[in-house]
Amino acid sequence: MSYTVVIEKGETSYGAYVPDLPGCVAVAETTEEVEFLIKEAIQFHLEMLQDEIPTPASTPNEPLTKEA
């Protein structure tokens, strides 16, 4: 299953979040680093959800990059 990731450029860093997974976020100094961290965050988030509630369905969207 794949999820849409939104990456936003801030003044000093990049932030990423997953609209379908509330609270699943990452922040890093480079796009490469934030992409790596958000992939780890998604994996961890889904592992935690498996024990508590059903895994949310993904929304069929393309990955987005938004510049500030």
N, C-alpha and C. Protein backbone atom coordinates (compact mmCIF):
# COMPACT_ATOMS: atom_id res chain seq x y z
N MET A 1 0.85 -1.17 0.00
CA MET A 1 0.00 0.00 0.00
C MET A 1 0.90 1.23 0.00
N SER A 2 0.51 2.23 -0.76
CA SER A 2 1.29 3.46 -0.78
C SER A 2 0.41 4.63 -0.32
N TYR A 3 1.07 5.62 0.26
CA TYR A 3 0.39 6.79 0.79
C TYR A 3 0.98 8.05 0.17
N THR A 4 0.14 9.05 -0.01
CA THR A 4 0.59 10.35 -0.50
C THR A 4 1.40 11.03 0.60
N VAL A 5 2.56 11.57 0.21
CA VAL A 5 3.41 12.32 1.13
C VAL A 5 3.50 13.75 0.62
N VAL A 6 3.27 14.70 1.50
CA VAL A 6 3.40 16.12 1.15
C VAL A 6 4.70 16.62 1.77
N ILE A 7 5.56 17.20 0.93
CA ILE A 7 6.83 17.76 1.39
C ILE A 7 6.77 19.27 1.19
N GLU A 8 7.04 20.00 2.27
CA GLU A 8 7.02 21.46 2.21
C GLU A 8 8.39 22.00 2.57
N LYS A 9 8.82 23.03 1.84
CA LYS A 9 10.10 23.66 2.12
C LYS A 9 9.88 24.84 3.04
N GLY A 10 10.58 24.84 4.17
CA GLY A 10 10.54 25.97 5.09
C GLY A 10 11.78 26.83 4.90
N GLU A 11 11.99 27.79 5.78
CA GLU A 11 13.15 28.67 5.66
C GLU A 11 14.46 27.93 5.87
N THR A 12 14.48 26.97 6.78
CA THR A 12 15.74 26.29 7.10
C THR A 12 15.67 24.78 7.00
N SER A 13 14.48 24.23 6.67
CA SER A 13 14.36 22.78 6.62
C SER A 13 13.17 22.38 5.75
N TYR A 14 13.02 21.07 5.58
CA TYR A 14 11.89 20.50 4.86
C TYR A 14 11.03 19.73 5.85
N GLY A 15 9.73 19.83 5.67
CA GLY A 15 8.80 19.07 6.49
C GLY A 15 8.00 18.16 5.59
N ALA A 16 7.64 16.99 6.11
CA ALA A 16 6.83 16.05 5.35
C ALA A 16 5.72 15.52 6.25
N TYR A 17 4.56 15.28 5.65
CA TYR A 17 3.47 14.66 6.39
C TYR A 17 2.64 13.80 5.45
N VAL A 18 1.85 12.92 6.05
CA VAL A 18 1.00 11.99 5.30
C VAL A 18 -0.45 12.32 5.64
N PRO A 19 -1.20 12.90 4.69
CA PRO A 19 -2.58 13.30 4.98
C PRO A 19 -3.46 12.17 5.51
N ASP A 20 -3.24 10.96 5.04
CA ASP A 20 -4.06 9.82 5.45
C ASP A 20 -3.64 9.22 6.79
N LEU A 21 -2.52 9.67 7.35
CA LEU A 21 -2.02 9.14 8.62
C LEU A 21 -1.76 10.30 9.57
N PRO A 22 -2.79 10.80 10.23
CA PRO A 22 -2.62 11.94 11.13
C PRO A 22 -1.51 11.71 12.16
N GLY A 23 -0.63 12.71 12.28
CA GLY A 23 0.48 12.62 13.22
C GLY A 23 1.74 12.01 12.65
N CYS A 24 1.68 11.54 11.41
CA CYS A 24 2.86 10.94 10.78
C CYS A 24 3.62 12.06 10.05
N VAL A 25 4.72 12.52 10.66
CA VAL A 25 5.46 13.67 10.15
C VAL A 25 6.96 13.43 10.24
N ALA A 26 7.72 14.23 9.50
CA ALA A 26 9.18 14.21 9.56
C ALA A 26 9.70 15.59 9.18
N VAL A 27 10.86 15.94 9.72
CA VAL A 27 11.52 17.22 9.42
C VAL A 27 13.00 16.94 9.24
N ALA A 28 13.61 17.56 8.21
CA ALA A 28 15.03 17.37 7.96
C ALA A 28 15.58 18.56 7.17
N GLU A 29 16.90 18.61 7.05
CA GLU A 29 17.55 19.72 6.36
C GLU A 29 17.56 19.57 4.84
N THR A 30 17.43 18.34 4.32
CA THR A 30 17.44 18.11 2.88
C THR A 30 16.22 17.29 2.47
N THR A 31 15.88 17.35 1.17
CA THR A 31 14.76 16.55 0.68
C THR A 31 15.07 15.06 0.79
N GLU A 32 16.31 14.69 0.50
CA GLU A 32 16.69 13.28 0.59
C GLU A 32 16.50 12.75 2.01
N GLU A 33 16.92 13.55 2.98
CA GLU A 33 16.82 13.14 4.37
C GLU A 33 15.36 13.08 4.82
N VAL A 34 14.54 14.05 4.43
CA VAL A 34 13.14 14.04 4.86
C VAL A 34 12.39 12.89 4.19
N GLU A 35 12.75 12.55 2.95
CA GLU A 35 12.11 11.40 2.29
C GLU A 35 12.45 10.11 3.02
N PHE A 36 13.70 9.95 3.41
CA PHE A 36 14.12 8.77 4.17
C PHE A 36 13.37 8.70 5.50
N LEU A 37 13.32 9.83 6.21
CA LEU A 37 12.69 9.85 7.53
C LEU A 37 11.18 9.62 7.47
N ILE A 38 10.50 10.16 6.45
CA ILE A 38 9.06 9.96 6.37
C ILE A 38 8.73 8.52 6.03
N LYS A 39 9.57 7.86 5.23
CA LYS A 39 9.36 6.43 4.95
C LYS A 39 9.46 5.63 6.24
N GLU A 40 10.44 5.94 7.07
CA GLU A 40 10.57 5.27 8.36
C GLU A 40 9.37 5.58 9.25
N ALA A 41 8.93 6.83 9.24
CA ALA A 41 7.79 7.24 10.06
C ALA A 41 6.52 6.50 9.65
N ILE A 42 6.31 6.35 8.35
CA ILE A 42 5.13 5.62 7.85
C ILE A 42 5.17 4.17 8.34
N GLN A 43 6.32 3.54 8.18
CA GLN A 43 6.46 2.15 8.60
C GLN A 43 6.16 2.01 10.10
N PHE A 44 6.74 2.86 10.91
CA PHE A 44 6.53 2.83 12.36
C PHE A 44 5.06 3.10 12.69
N HIS A 45 4.49 4.11 12.05
CA HIS A 45 3.10 4.49 12.29
C HIS A 45 2.16 3.31 12.00
N LEU A 46 2.37 2.65 10.86
CA LEU A 46 1.51 1.52 10.49
C LEU A 46 1.68 0.35 11.45
N GLU A 47 2.91 0.10 11.90
CA GLU A 47 3.14 -0.97 12.87
C GLU A 47 2.36 -0.70 14.15
N MET A 48 2.36 0.54 14.60
CA MET A 48 1.65 0.90 15.82
C MET A 48 0.13 0.79 15.63
N LEU A 49 -0.35 1.17 14.46
CA LEU A 49 -1.79 1.12 14.20
C LEU A 49 -2.31 -0.31 14.13
N GLN A 50 -1.49 -1.25 13.67
CA GLN A 50 -1.93 -2.63 13.54
C GLN A 50 -2.37 -3.20 14.89
N ASP A 51 -1.77 -2.73 15.95
CA ASP A 51 -2.11 -3.22 17.28
C ASP A 51 -3.33 -2.52 17.87
N GLU A 52 -3.74 -1.39 17.31
CA GLU A 52 -4.78 -0.58 17.94
C GLU A 52 -6.05 -0.43 17.12
N ILE A 53 -5.93 0.03 15.88
CA ILE A 53 -7.12 0.27 15.05
C ILE A 53 -6.83 -0.18 13.63
N PRO A 54 -7.85 -0.34 12.80
CA PRO A 54 -7.62 -0.74 11.41
C PRO A 54 -6.74 0.27 10.67
N THR A 55 -5.92 -0.23 9.76
CA THR A 55 -5.05 0.62 8.95
C THR A 55 -5.90 1.46 8.01
N PRO A 56 -5.70 2.79 7.98
CA PRO A 56 -6.49 3.65 7.08
C PRO A 56 -6.21 3.34 5.61
N ALA A 57 -7.23 3.45 4.80
CA ALA A 57 -7.05 3.28 3.36
C ALA A 57 -6.31 4.49 2.82
N SER A 58 -5.54 4.28 1.76
CA SER A 58 -4.82 5.39 1.16
C SER A 58 -5.71 6.10 0.15
N THR A 59 -5.46 7.38 -0.06
CA THR A 59 -6.16 8.16 -1.06
C THR A 59 -5.34 8.10 -2.34
N PRO A 60 -5.96 7.78 -3.47
CA PRO A 60 -5.19 7.65 -4.72
C PRO A 60 -4.78 9.01 -5.29
N ASN A 61 -3.63 9.53 -4.84
CA ASN A 61 -3.10 10.80 -5.31
C ASN A 61 -1.63 10.62 -5.67
N GLU A 62 -1.13 11.55 -6.42
CA GLU A 62 0.29 11.57 -6.74
C GLU A 62 1.05 12.27 -5.62
N PRO A 63 2.32 11.89 -5.37
CA PRO A 63 3.12 12.62 -4.37
C PRO A 63 3.22 14.10 -4.76
N LEU A 64 3.24 14.96 -3.77
CA LEU A 64 3.27 16.40 -4.00
C LEU A 64 4.48 17.03 -3.33
N THR A 65 5.00 18.07 -3.93
CA THR A 65 6.02 18.90 -3.29
C THR A 65 5.49 20.32 -3.33
N LYS A 66 5.49 20.96 -2.18
CA LYS A 66 4.96 22.32 -2.09
C LYS A 66 6.05 23.22 -1.56
N GLU A 67 6.37 24.27 -2.31
CA GLU A 67 7.39 25.22 -1.87
C GLU A 67 6.73 26.39 -1.18
N ALA A 68 7.39 26.85 -0.11
CA ALA A 68 6.85 27.99 0.65
C ALA A 68 7.07 29.28 -0.09
